[in-house]
Each structure stands twice: as structure tokens, then as C-alpha cells.
Amino acid sequence: MARLVVPALAALLLASALLSLSLGSAAVPVFGGLSDWLAGEASLGAIVIGEIRLPRTLLAIGVGAALGLSGAALQGLLRNPLADPALTGASQGAALGAAAVFYFGLLPQLGSAAPAVAGLAGALAALLLMLALAGSARPSMVIMAGLAISTLAGAALATVLNFAPNPYAMQELVFWLLGSVSERGLEHLALLLPALLAGSALVFSQRRLLAGLSLGEQVAQSMGLNVARGGRILVLGAALLVGGSVAVAGTIGFVGLLVPHLVRPLVRHRPERMLLPSALAGGCLVCLADVCVRLLPPGRELKLGVLTALLGAPLFIWLVWRERNRWS
């Protein structure tokens, strides 16, 4: 069964992407629109599919994959099923960077991509501060440093919200922080892609460490693994993933925390085998959640981050209750 997990999730991801591309107020053929868009034709299908639905779908998949993979990496590193990607501090740093754009009007020449660029810069700054504070300590100390930087960035973000120059700027910032992949273009995907590739490469490079840590830290060291160095690489990769996703889509909660729980029984609780399935499942989850957002009655759109929280919180409570009954 474990061998079928990746192909099944890949097929589900493809089906989710096709559903997302075909859903909308304008009835246009998906493959015809993609063909026209690739050929450079200015048809209705090319505009709707290539410039509106395709960026939104790919961004939802990329953000979900980044959050799912970062959650699996941190939970495997800390051997803690409650570890969340926000522990690295990059999430709050990205949110603070984007908030600076709304507050100070920075980077006007970048247009709609300005919050994403500033968010990536904020995530990078938070990551550098976290690594400088942690030094060459153990992974647990790295996470503590991440929590400290996250708290500091969260306080600064609250200050920015408190002193917003006008109600409209604060409303725009709050709506952005709620999380969404709507009204995003290919330029946002281009910003996410380097962080996604670099973070994924760092995380997958430490699969052997995750396998060793599942048997205990002493066993991992006896296998010749550098736990401190590998742990820092894993945290760095997770921070790049979550920082990039928050920078382009805002805060989308519970994905990185919940997806590894859903995948873990399918891979026999092996942390090194959870990485790719968690990325695929995260992409499916966020893509399908975005489809649900578009299926709601027209009017004020429910933000994607709000929907994932509404769906994820009860499911996570059920998972905690199930684990409690298993151990009682």
C-alpha cells in the first residue's frame, strides 16, 4: 500500500488542478485555452485560463506543497507531531515585510508584487536573525530562537496594525494576512518557485537524518550523522518554504500541521517517507480549498486562510481525541 501513496496523491493532485482550471463564471475549454495561451493568441480562453486560472491554480499547489513539506520536515526533526512550520519565525517575518509595504508604501514600482517581494525579504531577515541567535546549537535551540524571532516580529506587526495611517490601509493589510491566492499572477509564482526549490532541496537532502532520528538521537549519531548540522539544514529549508508561501499568499493555517498527520499512517510512520507525500497532499488540500472558496455564493469572498482554519481546526481536534483514546 505504501508504494501506491505517491502515485495516488499525484493523480489526485492532477485531478484537483484540472478541476480548478475548469471552474469559473466563464465556460471555456481548459485544453483549448491552454493551447491558445501557449501559442500567444489573444482569445477568451487564453485570457481566462492562462492569465487568471492557471496562476491561481499553480500558486495554490505550490503554497500547499511548501507548507505540507515544511510541516513534515519539522515534525520528523523534533519527533513532535505538534511541531508547526511557523516555529521557524519566517512566517511572521514575511508577514511583517508585507505589512511594511502597506504601511510605508514601499516598492511602488513593483505594483501588486510589492508585498510578496517585501515578504520574502522579511522572511530572509527573520531567518538570518534566527540563525545568528541560535548559533551552532542543537535543533531544539534553533526552534527556540525561531520562536523568539517570531514573537518579536509578531509584536512589530501588531504595532504596524495599531498605527496604520488610515482604516483602508489596515483593512487591506488584514485581508492580505488572512491568506488568499486570488488576484495573483505568474510573477508571484516566479517569486515562490526559487524558495520552493531551494527549501525542498535542503529538506530532501536530510532524508537519512530523519530516518536515523526516528530511532533516537544517539542512534543517529552512531550512524555517523551530524545531528546539529543536519537539523539546521532542515530548519533552514522549512523556513524558506514557509517564508516563501506566506510572502505570496498570506497566512494559510493548519496545512503544515495537519497534512503530516493525514499522511503518516499511509507511510507506516516513517518520517523520511513522509516528505514527498506531504508535499503532494498539501498541494491537493490547498487547491481543493481554493475550489471550495470559488464555489461559495457570489459576494464577499471567504479568504482561503479562513477556510483552511475552519476545516482544519475540527479535524485536528478529532486527531488529538483519537490519539488520546489510543493511549488511554
C-alpha atoms as a PDB file:
ATOM      1  CA  MET A   1       0.000   0.000   0.000  1.00  0.00           C
ATOM      2  CA  ALA A   2       2.809   2.418   0.838  1.00  0.00           C
ATOM      3  CA  ARG A   3       4.115   2.168  -2.738  1.00  0.00           C
ATOM      4  CA  LEU A   4       0.792   3.401  -4.099  1.00  0.00           C
ATOM      5  CA  VAL A   5       0.649   6.527  -1.916  1.00  0.00           C
ATOM      6  CA  VAL A   6       2.734   8.793  -4.165  1.00  0.00           C
ATOM      7  CA  PRO A   7       1.055   7.758  -7.473  1.00  0.00           C
ATOM      8  CA  ALA A   8      -2.403   8.086  -5.885  1.00  0.00           C
ATOM      9  CA  LEU A   9      -1.644  11.529  -4.470  1.00  0.00           C
ATOM     10  CA  ALA A  10      -0.099  12.642  -7.770  1.00  0.00           C
ATOM     11  CA  ALA A  11      -3.254  11.557  -9.618  1.00  0.00           C
ATOM     12  CA  LEU A  12      -5.410  13.380  -7.062  1.00  0.00           C
ATOM     13  CA  LEU A  13      -3.279  16.496  -7.470  1.00  0.00           C
ATOM     14  CA  LEU A  14      -3.660  16.398 -11.245  1.00  0.00           C
ATOM     15  CA  ALA A  15      -7.431  15.949 -10.917  1.00  0.00           C
ATOM     16  CA  SER A  16      -7.582  18.854  -8.458  1.00  0.00           C
ATOM     17  CA  ALA A  17      -5.636  21.083 -10.855  1.00  0.00           C
ATOM     18  CA  LEU A  18      -7.927  20.234 -13.779  1.00  0.00           C
ATOM     19  CA  LEU A  19     -10.981  20.902 -11.604  1.00  0.00           C
ATOM     20  CA  SER A  20      -9.553  24.264 -10.570  1.00  0.00           C
ATOM     21  CA  LEU A  21      -8.797  25.214 -14.181  1.00  0.00           C
ATOM     22  CA  SER A  22     -12.275  24.274 -15.370  1.00  0.00           C
ATOM     23  CA  LEU A  23     -14.173  26.077 -12.595  1.00  0.00           C
ATOM     24  CA  GLY A  24     -15.295  29.660 -13.091  1.00  0.00           C
ATOM     25  CA  SER A  25     -18.017  32.012 -14.230  1.00  0.00           C
ATOM     26  CA  ALA A  26     -16.906  31.756 -17.886  1.00  0.00           C
ATOM     27  CA  ALA A  27     -17.335  28.374 -19.549  1.00  0.00           C
ATOM     28  CA  VAL A  28     -14.139  27.907 -21.575  1.00  0.00           C
ATOM     29  CA  PRO A  29     -12.370  24.689 -22.653  1.00  0.00           C
ATOM     30  CA  VAL A  30      -9.337  24.074 -20.468  1.00  0.00           C
ATOM     31  CA  PHE A  31      -7.028  22.466 -23.024  1.00  0.00           C
ATOM     32  CA  GLY A  32      -8.135  24.810 -25.802  1.00  0.00           C
ATOM     33  CA  GLY A  33      -7.461  27.820 -23.603  1.00  0.00           C
ATOM     34  CA  LEU A  34      -4.049  26.481 -22.590  1.00  0.00           C
ATOM     35  CA  SER A  35      -3.182  25.826 -26.229  1.00  0.00           C
ATOM     36  CA  ASP A  36      -4.176  29.353 -27.262  1.00  0.00           C
ATOM     37  CA  TRP A  37      -2.256  30.849 -24.339  1.00  0.00           C
ATOM     38  CA  LEU A  38       0.903  28.920 -25.177  1.00  0.00           C
ATOM     39  CA  ALA A  39       0.542  29.925 -28.834  1.00  0.00           C
ATOM     40  CA  GLY A  40       0.245  33.586 -27.863  1.00  0.00           C
ATOM     41  CA  GLU A  41      -3.286  34.030 -29.198  1.00  0.00           C
ATOM     42  CA  ALA A  42      -5.495  36.678 -27.574  1.00  0.00           C
ATOM     43  CA  SER A  43      -8.631  34.533 -27.326  1.00  0.00           C
ATOM     44  CA  LEU A  44     -11.095  34.474 -24.441  1.00  0.00           C
ATOM     45  CA  GLY A  45      -9.898  31.012 -23.412  1.00  0.00           C
ATOM     46  CA  ALA A  46      -6.256  32.131 -23.388  1.00  0.00           C
ATOM     47  CA  ILE A  47      -7.048  35.112 -21.159  1.00  0.00           C
ATOM     48  CA  VAL A  48      -9.269  33.215 -18.713  1.00  0.00           C
ATOM     49  CA  ILE A  49      -7.169  30.045 -18.464  1.00  0.00           C
ATOM     50  CA  GLY A  50      -3.639  31.368 -18.964  1.00  0.00           C
ATOM     51  CA  GLU A  51      -3.793  34.682 -17.122  1.00  0.00           C
ATOM     52  CA  ILE A  52      -6.391  34.093 -14.398  1.00  0.00           C
ATOM     53  CA  ARG A  53      -6.986  30.448 -13.523  1.00  0.00           C
ATOM     54  CA  LEU A  54      -3.551  28.940 -14.256  1.00  0.00           C
ATOM     55  CA  PRO A  55      -1.551  31.270 -11.941  1.00  0.00           C
ATOM     56  CA  ARG A  56      -4.123  30.811  -9.175  1.00  0.00           C
ATOM     57  CA  THR A  57      -4.073  27.015  -9.502  1.00  0.00           C
ATOM     58  CA  LEU A  58      -0.287  26.704  -9.670  1.00  0.00           C
ATOM     59  CA  LEU A  59       0.157  29.096  -6.754  1.00  0.00           C
ATOM     60  CA  ALA A  60      -2.311  27.121  -4.613  1.00  0.00           C
ATOM     61  CA  ILE A  61      -0.448  23.892  -5.388  1.00  0.00           C
ATOM     62  CA  GLY A  62       2.960  25.469  -4.722  1.00  0.00           C
ATOM     63  CA  VAL A  63       1.907  27.046  -1.422  1.00  0.00           C
ATOM     64  CA  GLY A  64       0.254  23.831  -0.243  1.00  0.00           C
ATOM     65  CA  ALA A  65       3.300  21.758  -1.198  1.00  0.00           C
ATOM     66  CA  ALA A  66       5.633  24.155   0.634  1.00  0.00           C
ATOM     67  CA  LEU A  67       3.547  24.120   3.817  1.00  0.00           C
ATOM     68  CA  GLY A  68       2.998  20.352   3.792  1.00  0.00           C
ATOM     69  CA  LEU A  69       6.683  19.597   3.208  1.00  0.00           C
ATOM     70  CA  SER A  70       7.885  22.055   5.863  1.00  0.00           C
ATOM     71  CA  GLY A  71       5.491  20.575   8.427  1.00  0.00           C
ATOM     72  CA  ALA A  72       6.641  17.028   7.715  1.00  0.00           C
ATOM     73  CA  ALA A  73      10.302  18.066   7.996  1.00  0.00           C
ATOM     74  CA  LEU A  74       9.906  19.821  11.343  1.00  0.00           C
ATOM     75  CA  GLN A  75       7.744  17.102  12.878  1.00  0.00           C
ATOM     76  CA  GLY A  76      10.290  14.493  11.824  1.00  0.00           C
ATOM     77  CA  LEU A  77      13.204  16.548  13.126  1.00  0.00           C
ATOM     78  CA  LEU A  78      11.684  17.241  16.543  1.00  0.00           C
ATOM     79  CA  ARG A  79       9.834  13.909  16.801  1.00  0.00           C
ATOM     80  CA  ASN A  80       6.846  16.018  17.805  1.00  0.00           C
ATOM     81  CA  PRO A  81       3.513  15.753  15.937  1.00  0.00           C
ATOM     82  CA  LEU A  82       2.549  19.243  17.166  1.00  0.00           C
ATOM     83  CA  ALA A  83       5.510  20.990  15.524  1.00  0.00           C
ATOM     84  CA  ASP A  84       4.293  23.733  13.190  1.00  0.00           C
ATOM     85  CA  PRO A  85       6.193  25.459  10.335  1.00  0.00           C
ATOM     86  CA  ALA A  86       5.551  28.834  11.985  1.00  0.00           C
ATOM     87  CA  LEU A  87       8.089  27.832  14.666  1.00  0.00           C
ATOM     88  CA  THR A  88      10.953  28.967  12.411  1.00  0.00           C
ATOM     89  CA  GLY A  89       9.978  32.651  12.615  1.00  0.00           C
ATOM     90  CA  ALA A  90       9.966  33.046   8.840  1.00  0.00           C
ATOM     91  CA  SER A  91       6.169  33.222   8.718  1.00  0.00           C
ATOM     92  CA  GLN A  92       5.924  36.276  10.964  1.00  0.00           C
ATOM     93  CA  GLY A  93       8.948  37.821   9.263  1.00  0.00           C
ATOM     94  CA  ALA A  94       7.267  37.506   5.871  1.00  0.00           C
ATOM     95  CA  ALA A  95       4.046  38.997   7.234  1.00  0.00           C
ATOM     96  CA  LEU A  96       5.977  41.922   8.726  1.00  0.00           C
ATOM     97  CA  GLY A  97       7.759  42.570   5.429  1.00  0.00           C
ATOM     98  CA  ALA A  98       4.460  42.671   3.564  1.00  0.00           C
ATOM     99  CA  ALA A  99       2.945  44.904   6.249  1.00  0.00           C
ATOM    100  CA  ALA A 100       5.743  47.421   5.720  1.00  0.00           C
ATOM    101  CA  VAL A 101       4.620  47.785   2.101  1.00  0.00           C
ATOM    102  CA  PHE A 102       1.062  48.629   3.104  1.00  0.00           C
ATOM    103  CA  TYR A 103       2.194  50.929   5.920  1.00  0.00           C
ATOM    104  CA  PHE A 104       5.040  52.849   4.283  1.00  0.00           C
ATOM    105  CA  GLY A 105       4.062  52.443   0.620  1.00  0.00           C
ATOM    106  CA  LEU A 106       7.389  50.792  -0.240  1.00  0.00           C
ATOM    107  CA  LEU A 107       8.386  49.447  -3.670  1.00  0.00           C
ATOM    108  CA  PRO A 108       5.630  51.189  -5.668  1.00  0.00           C
ATOM    109  CA  GLN A 109       7.400  50.303  -8.920  1.00  0.00           C
ATOM    110  CA  LEU A 110       6.660  46.601  -8.331  1.00  0.00           C
ATOM    111  CA  GLY A 111       2.894  47.090  -8.256  1.00  0.00           C
ATOM    112  CA  SER A 112       0.905  44.117  -6.949  1.00  0.00           C
ATOM    113  CA  ALA A 113       4.079  42.053  -6.476  1.00  0.00           C
ATOM    114  CA  ALA A 114       5.475  44.504  -3.887  1.00  0.00           C
ATOM    115  CA  PRO A 115       4.028  42.701  -0.798  1.00  0.00           C
ATOM    116  CA  ALA A 116       5.443  39.380  -1.995  1.00  0.00           C
ATOM    117  CA  VAL A 117       8.927  40.794  -2.605  1.00  0.00           C
ATOM    118  CA  ALA A 118       8.941  42.553   0.757  1.00  0.00           C
ATOM    119  CA  GLY A 119       7.602  39.386   2.375  1.00  0.00           C
ATOM    120  CA  LEU A 120      10.489  37.344   1.010  1.00  0.00           C
ATOM    121  CA  ALA A 121      12.922  39.977   2.291  1.00  0.00           C
ATOM    122  CA  GLY A 122      11.246  39.865   5.717  1.00  0.00           C
ATOM    123  CA  ALA A 123      11.407  36.069   5.807  1.00  0.00           C
ATOM    124  CA  LEU A 124      15.112  36.163   4.891  1.00  0.00           C
ATOM    125  CA  ALA A 125      15.842  38.762   7.580  1.00  0.00           C
ATOM    126  CA  ALA A 126      13.991  36.732  10.208  1.00  0.00           C
ATOM    127  CA  LEU A 127      15.862  33.599   9.128  1.00  0.00           C
ATOM    128  CA  LEU A 128      19.262  35.278   9.404  1.00  0.00           C
ATOM    129  CA  LEU A 129      18.404  36.666  12.840  1.00  0.00           C
ATOM    130  CA  MET A 130      17.192  33.260  13.982  1.00  0.00           C
ATOM    131  CA  LEU A 131      20.370  31.507  12.833  1.00  0.00           C
ATOM    132  CA  ALA A 132      22.553  34.193  14.410  1.00  0.00           C
ATOM    133  CA  LEU A 133      20.693  33.872  17.723  1.00  0.00           C
ATOM    134  CA  ALA A 134      20.805  30.063  17.720  1.00  0.00           C
ATOM    135  CA  GLY A 135      24.495  29.851  16.844  1.00  0.00           C
ATOM    136  CA  SER A 136      25.711  26.282  16.408  1.00  0.00           C
ATOM    137  CA  ALA A 137      23.297  24.857  18.962  1.00  0.00           C
ATOM    138  CA  ARG A 138      21.067  21.819  18.828  1.00  0.00           C
ATOM    139  CA  PRO A 139      17.870  21.769  16.724  1.00  0.00           C
ATOM    140  CA  SER A 140      15.751  22.419  19.815  1.00  0.00           C
ATOM    141  CA  MET A 141      17.669  25.651  20.434  1.00  0.00           C
ATOM    142  CA  VAL A 142      17.185  26.626  16.803  1.00  0.00           C
ATOM    143  CA  ILE A 143      13.433  26.244  17.255  1.00  0.00           C
ATOM    144  CA  MET A 144      13.565  28.301  20.465  1.00  0.00           C
ATOM    145  CA  ALA A 145      15.411  31.023  18.572  1.00  0.00           C
ATOM    146  CA  GLY A 146      12.751  30.836  15.877  1.00  0.00           C
ATOM    147  CA  LEU A 147      10.019  31.294  18.478  1.00  0.00           C
ATOM    148  CA  ALA A 148      11.848  34.326  19.875  1.00  0.00           C
ATOM    149  CA  ILE A 149      12.156  35.932  16.439  1.00  0.00           C
ATOM    150  CA  SER A 150       8.544  35.019  15.642  1.00  0.00           C
ATOM    151  CA  THR A 151       7.373  36.716  18.845  1.00  0.00           C
ATOM    152  CA  LEU A 152       9.423  39.814  18.081  1.00  0.00           C
ATOM    153  CA  ALA A 153       8.146  40.015  14.506  1.00  0.00           C
ATOM    154  CA  GLY A 154       4.584  39.439  15.719  1.00  0.00           C
ATOM    155  CA  ALA A 155       4.907  42.334  18.164  1.00  0.00           C
ATOM    156  CA  ALA A 156       6.241  44.575  15.404  1.00  0.00           C
ATOM    157  CA  LEU A 157       3.363  43.503  13.141  1.00  0.00           C
ATOM    158  CA  ALA A 158       0.841  44.352  15.864  1.00  0.00           C
ATOM    159  CA  THR A 159       2.486  47.763  16.196  1.00  0.00           C
ATOM    160  CA  VAL A 160       2.149  48.367  12.466  1.00  0.00           C
ATOM    161  CA  LEU A 161      -1.535  47.427  12.633  1.00  0.00           C
ATOM    162  CA  ASN A 162      -2.059  49.685  15.640  1.00  0.00           C
ATOM    163  CA  PHE A 163      -0.524  52.719  13.923  1.00  0.00           C
ATOM    164  CA  ALA A 164      -1.969  52.134  10.462  1.00  0.00           C
ATOM    165  CA  PRO A 165      -2.165  55.518   8.663  1.00  0.00           C
ATOM    166  CA  ASN A 166      -5.827  55.053   7.764  1.00  0.00           C
ATOM    167  CA  PRO A 167      -8.578  52.430   8.097  1.00  0.00           C
ATOM    168  CA  TYR A 168      -8.262  51.444   4.433  1.00  0.00           C
ATOM    169  CA  ALA A 169      -4.566  50.577   4.766  1.00  0.00           C
ATOM    170  CA  MET A 170      -5.282  48.480   7.868  1.00  0.00           C
ATOM    171  CA  GLN A 171      -8.178  46.719   6.139  1.00  0.00           C
ATOM    172  CA  GLU A 172      -6.025  45.910   3.111  1.00  0.00           C
ATOM    173  CA  LEU A 173      -3.286  44.550   5.340  1.00  0.00           C
ATOM    174  CA  VAL A 174      -5.694  42.427   7.395  1.00  0.00           C
ATOM    175  CA  PHE A 175      -7.299  40.994   4.254  1.00  0.00           C
ATOM    176  CA  TRP A 176      -3.865  40.122   2.885  1.00  0.00           C
ATOM    177  CA  LEU A 177      -2.860  38.402   6.135  1.00  0.00           C
ATOM    178  CA  LEU A 178      -5.995  36.237   6.040  1.00  0.00           C
ATOM    179  CA  GLY A 179      -4.461  34.345   3.127  1.00  0.00           C
ATOM    180  CA  SER A 180      -5.568  34.013  -0.484  1.00  0.00           C
ATOM    181  CA  VAL A 181      -4.285  33.010  -3.926  1.00  0.00           C
ATOM    182  CA  SER A 182      -6.829  35.086  -5.842  1.00  0.00           C
ATOM    183  CA  GLU A 183      -5.730  38.118  -7.857  1.00  0.00           C
ATOM    184  CA  ARG A 184      -2.227  36.687  -8.131  1.00  0.00           C
ATOM    185  CA  GLY A 185      -0.214  36.416 -11.336  1.00  0.00           C
ATOM    186  CA  LEU A 186       2.685  34.450 -12.726  1.00  0.00           C
ATOM    187  CA  GLU A 187       5.075  36.983 -11.180  1.00  0.00           C
ATOM    188  CA  HIS A 188       4.016  35.728  -7.742  1.00  0.00           C
ATOM    189  CA  LEU A 189       4.692  32.147  -8.833  1.00  0.00           C
ATOM    190  CA  ALA A 190       8.134  33.243 -10.033  1.00  0.00           C
ATOM    191  CA  LEU A 191       8.815  34.601  -6.534  1.00  0.00           C
ATOM    192  CA  LEU A 192       7.636  31.410  -4.821  1.00  0.00           C
ATOM    193  CA  LEU A 193       9.453  28.979  -7.115  1.00  0.00           C
ATOM    194  CA  PRO A 194      13.081  29.708  -6.020  1.00  0.00           C
ATOM    195  CA  ALA A 195      12.149  29.413  -2.342  1.00  0.00           C
ATOM    196  CA  LEU A 196      10.185  26.218  -3.051  1.00  0.00           C
ATOM    197  CA  LEU A 197      13.021  24.588  -4.990  1.00  0.00           C
ATOM    198  CA  ALA A 198      15.787  25.632  -2.585  1.00  0.00           C
ATOM    199  CA  GLY A 199      13.814  24.686   0.526  1.00  0.00           C
ATOM    200  CA  SER A 200      12.777  21.330  -0.957  1.00  0.00           C
ATOM    201  CA  ALA A 201      16.368  20.527  -1.921  1.00  0.00           C
ATOM    202  CA  LEU A 202      17.592  21.257   1.617  1.00  0.00           C
ATOM    203  CA  VAL A 203      14.846  19.162   3.223  1.00  0.00           C
ATOM    204  CA  PHE A 204      15.219  16.157   0.887  1.00  0.00           C
ATOM    205  CA  SER A 205      18.998  16.202   1.381  1.00  0.00           C
ATOM    206  CA  GLN A 206      18.407  15.222   5.037  1.00  0.00           C
ATOM    207  CA  ARG A 207      16.158  12.202   4.495  1.00  0.00           C
ATOM    208  CA  ARG A 208      18.775   9.893   6.015  1.00  0.00           C
ATOM    209  CA  LEU A 209      18.941  12.088   9.114  1.00  0.00           C
ATOM    210  CA  LEU A 210      15.165  11.889   9.552  1.00  0.00           C
ATOM    211  CA  ALA A 211      15.341   8.114   9.288  1.00  0.00           C
ATOM    212  CA  GLY A 212      18.075   7.971  11.927  1.00  0.00           C
ATOM    213  CA  LEU A 213      16.314  10.367  14.294  1.00  0.00           C
ATOM    214  CA  SER A 214      13.224   8.155  14.242  1.00  0.00           C
ATOM    215  CA  LEU A 215      15.351   5.636  16.211  1.00  0.00           C
ATOM    216  CA  GLY A 216      16.712   8.263  18.596  1.00  0.00           C
ATOM    217  CA  GLU A 217      19.401  10.926  18.521  1.00  0.00           C
ATOM    218  CA  GLN A 218      22.101   8.628  19.870  1.00  0.00           C
ATOM    219  CA  VAL A 219      21.370   6.074  17.162  1.00  0.00           C
ATOM    220  CA  ALA A 220      21.563   8.793  14.526  1.00  0.00           C
ATOM    221  CA  GLN A 221      24.962   9.883  15.829  1.00  0.00           C
ATOM    222  CA  SER A 222      26.184   6.290  15.876  1.00  0.00           C
ATOM    223  CA  MET A 223      25.276   6.116  12.169  1.00  0.00           C
ATOM    224  CA  GLY A 224      27.777   8.907  11.529  1.00  0.00           C
ATOM    225  CA  LEU A 225      25.119  11.609  11.076  1.00  0.00           C
ATOM    226  CA  ASN A 226      25.787  15.183  12.178  1.00  0.00           C
ATOM    227  CA  VAL A 227      22.553  15.886  14.017  1.00  0.00           C
ATOM    228  CA  ALA A 228      23.266  19.545  14.785  1.00  0.00           C
ATOM    229  CA  ARG A 229      24.292  20.439  11.226  1.00  0.00           C
ATOM    230  CA  GLY A 230      21.519  18.394   9.639  1.00  0.00           C
ATOM    231  CA  GLY A 231      18.955  19.894  11.988  1.00  0.00           C
ATOM    232  CA  ARG A 232      19.998  23.406  10.979  1.00  0.00           C
ATOM    233  CA  ILE A 233      19.702  22.474   7.313  1.00  0.00           C
ATOM    234  CA  LEU A 234      16.200  21.106   7.882  1.00  0.00           C
ATOM    235  CA  VAL A 235      15.123  24.225   9.769  1.00  0.00           C
ATOM    236  CA  LEU A 236      16.631  26.427   7.049  1.00  0.00           C
ATOM    237  CA  GLY A 237      14.743  24.509   4.360  1.00  0.00           C
ATOM    238  CA  ALA A 238      11.462  24.667   6.288  1.00  0.00           C
ATOM    239  CA  ALA A 239      11.911  28.394   6.882  1.00  0.00           C
ATOM    240  CA  LEU A 240      12.485  29.030   3.174  1.00  0.00           C
ATOM    241  CA  LEU A 241       9.359  27.055   2.312  1.00  0.00           C
ATOM    242  CA  VAL A 242       7.033  28.705   4.811  1.00  0.00           C
ATOM    243  CA  GLY A 243       8.508  32.179   4.271  1.00  0.00           C
ATOM    244  CA  GLY A 244       8.024  31.946   0.518  1.00  0.00           C
ATOM    245  CA  SER A 245       4.441  30.724   0.870  1.00  0.00           C
ATOM    246  CA  VAL A 246       3.446  33.427   3.354  1.00  0.00           C
ATOM    247  CA  ALA A 247       5.134  36.069   1.218  1.00  0.00           C
ATOM    248  CA  VAL A 248       2.988  35.347  -1.838  1.00  0.00           C
ATOM    249  CA  ALA A 249      -0.284  34.117  -0.304  1.00  0.00           C
ATOM    250  CA  GLY A 250      -0.510  35.403   3.256  1.00  0.00           C
ATOM    251  CA  THR A 251      -1.159  33.178   6.249  1.00  0.00           C
ATOM    252  CA  ILE A 252      -2.814  29.848   5.408  1.00  0.00           C
ATOM    253  CA  GLY A 253      -3.068  27.951   8.651  1.00  0.00           C
ATOM    254  CA  PHE A 254      -3.236  24.290   9.687  1.00  0.00           C
ATOM    255  CA  VAL A 255      -1.851  22.910   6.399  1.00  0.00           C
ATOM    256  CA  GLY A 256       1.678  22.301   7.661  1.00  0.00           C
ATOM    257  CA  LEU A 257       0.362  20.979  10.965  1.00  0.00           C
ATOM    258  CA  LEU A 258      -2.426  18.757   9.675  1.00  0.00           C
ATOM    259  CA  VAL A 259      -1.135  17.250   6.417  1.00  0.00           C
ATOM    260  CA  PRO A 260       1.653  15.152   8.032  1.00  0.00           C
ATOM    261  CA  HIS A 261      -0.936  13.643  10.397  1.00  0.00           C
ATOM    262  CA  LEU A 262      -3.034  12.525   7.437  1.00  0.00           C
ATOM    263  CA  VAL A 263      -0.050  11.093   5.557  1.00  0.00           C
ATOM    264  CA  ARG A 264       1.785   9.414   8.436  1.00  0.00           C
ATOM    265  CA  PRO A 265      -0.337   6.226   8.671  1.00  0.00           C
ATOM    266  CA  LEU A 266      -0.063   5.725   4.906  1.00  0.00           C
ATOM    267  CA  VAL A 267       3.750   5.520   5.007  1.00  0.00           C
ATOM    268  CA  ARG A 268       3.960   3.352   8.162  1.00  0.00           C
ATOM    269  CA  HIS A 269       5.035   6.314  10.305  1.00  0.00           C
ATOM    270  CA  ARG A 270       8.409   6.612   8.551  1.00  0.00           C
ATOM    271  CA  PRO A 271       9.409  10.323   8.653  1.00  0.00           C
ATOM    272  CA  GLU A 272      11.770  10.119   5.678  1.00  0.00           C
ATOM    273  CA  ARG A 273       8.978   8.655   3.555  1.00  0.00           C
ATOM    274  CA  MET A 274       6.533  11.396   4.515  1.00  0.00           C
ATOM    275  CA  LEU A 275       8.236  14.226   2.659  1.00  0.00           C
ATOM    276  CA  LEU A 276       7.018  13.777  -0.925  1.00  0.00           C
ATOM    277  CA  PRO A 277       3.520  12.542   0.053  1.00  0.00           C
ATOM    278  CA  SER A 278       3.142  15.515   2.406  1.00  0.00           C
ATOM    279  CA  ALA A 279       4.081  17.925  -0.377  1.00  0.00           C
ATOM    280  CA  LEU A 280       1.577  16.321  -2.766  1.00  0.00           C
ATOM    281  CA  ALA A 281      -1.163  16.158  -0.125  1.00  0.00           C
ATOM    282  CA  GLY A 282      -0.549  19.781   0.849  1.00  0.00           C
ATOM    283  CA  GLY A 283      -0.882  20.861  -2.778  1.00  0.00           C
ATOM    284  CA  CYS A 284      -4.141  18.901  -3.093  1.00  0.00           C
ATOM    285  CA  LEU A 285      -5.547  20.325   0.128  1.00  0.00           C
ATOM    286  CA  VAL A 286      -4.914  23.984  -0.682  1.00  0.00           C
ATOM    287  CA  CYS A 287      -6.019  23.583  -4.307  1.00  0.00           C
ATOM    288  CA  LEU A 288      -9.296  21.921  -3.286  1.00  0.00           C
ATOM    289  CA  ALA A 289      -9.826  24.506  -0.537  1.00  0.00           C
ATOM    290  CA  ASP A 290      -9.460  27.241  -3.147  1.00  0.00           C
ATOM    291  CA  VAL A 291     -12.010  25.425  -5.319  1.00  0.00           C
ATOM    292  CA  CYS A 292     -14.418  25.425  -2.356  1.00  0.00           C
ATOM    293  CA  VAL A 293     -13.868  29.170  -1.917  1.00  0.00           C
ATOM    294  CA  ARG A 294     -14.919  29.737  -5.524  1.00  0.00           C
ATOM    295  CA  LEU A 295     -17.986  27.521  -5.142  1.00  0.00           C
ATOM    296  CA  LEU A 296     -19.447  29.762  -2.434  1.00  0.00           C
ATOM    297  CA  PRO A 297     -22.253  32.167  -3.423  1.00  0.00           C
ATOM    298  CA  PRO A 298     -21.030  35.381  -5.079  1.00  0.00           C
ATOM    299  CA  GLY A 299     -20.459  38.375  -2.877  1.00  0.00           C
ATOM    300  CA  ARG A 300     -17.724  38.883  -0.321  1.00  0.00           C
ATOM    301  CA  GLU A 301     -15.229  36.104  -0.912  1.00  0.00           C
ATOM    302  CA  LEU A 302     -14.208  33.927   2.014  1.00  0.00           C
ATOM    303  CA  LYS A 303     -10.447  34.070   2.372  1.00  0.00           C
ATOM    304  CA  LEU A 304      -8.533  30.855   1.814  1.00  0.00           C
ATOM    305  CA  GLY A 305      -6.724  31.044   5.158  1.00  0.00           C
ATOM    306  CA  VAL A 306     -10.037  31.392   6.969  1.00  0.00           C
ATOM    307  CA  LEU A 307     -11.463  28.325   5.220  1.00  0.00           C
ATOM    308  CA  THR A 308      -8.416  26.137   5.971  1.00  0.00           C
ATOM    309  CA  ALA A 309      -8.638  27.168   9.627  1.00  0.00           C
ATOM    310  CA  LEU A 310     -12.371  26.425   9.785  1.00  0.00           C
ATOM    311  CA  LEU A 311     -11.848  22.999   8.223  1.00  0.00           C
ATOM    312  CA  GLY A 312      -8.516  22.182   9.817  1.00  0.00           C
ATOM    313  CA  ALA A 313      -9.257  23.012  13.453  1.00  0.00           C
ATOM    314  CA  PRO A 314     -12.120  20.480  13.945  1.00  0.00           C
ATOM    315  CA  LEU A 315     -10.186  17.803  12.078  1.00  0.00           C
ATOM    316  CA  PHE A 316      -7.117  18.409  14.208  1.00  0.00           C
ATOM    317  CA  ILE A 317      -9.239  18.223  17.371  1.00  0.00           C
ATOM    318  CA  TRP A 318     -10.543  14.858  16.151  1.00  0.00           C
ATOM    319  CA  LEU A 319      -6.997  13.623  15.544  1.00  0.00           C
ATOM    320  CA  VAL A 320      -5.938  14.675  19.046  1.00  0.00           C
ATOM    321  CA  TRP A 321      -9.014  12.919  20.516  1.00  0.00           C
ATOM    322  CA  ARG A 322      -8.214   9.760  18.579  1.00  0.00           C
ATOM    323  CA  GLU A 323      -4.615   9.746  19.816  1.00  0.00           C
ATOM    324  CA  ARG A 324      -5.794  10.290  23.366  1.00  0.00           C
ATOM    325  CA  ASN A 325      -8.142   7.312  23.179  1.00  0.00           C
ATOM    326  CA  ARG A 326      -5.378   5.194  21.674  1.00  0.00           C
ATOM    327  CA  TRP A 327      -3.023   5.851  24.604  1.00  0.00           C
ATOM    328  CA  SER A 328      -5.624   5.807  27.396  1.00  0.00           C
END
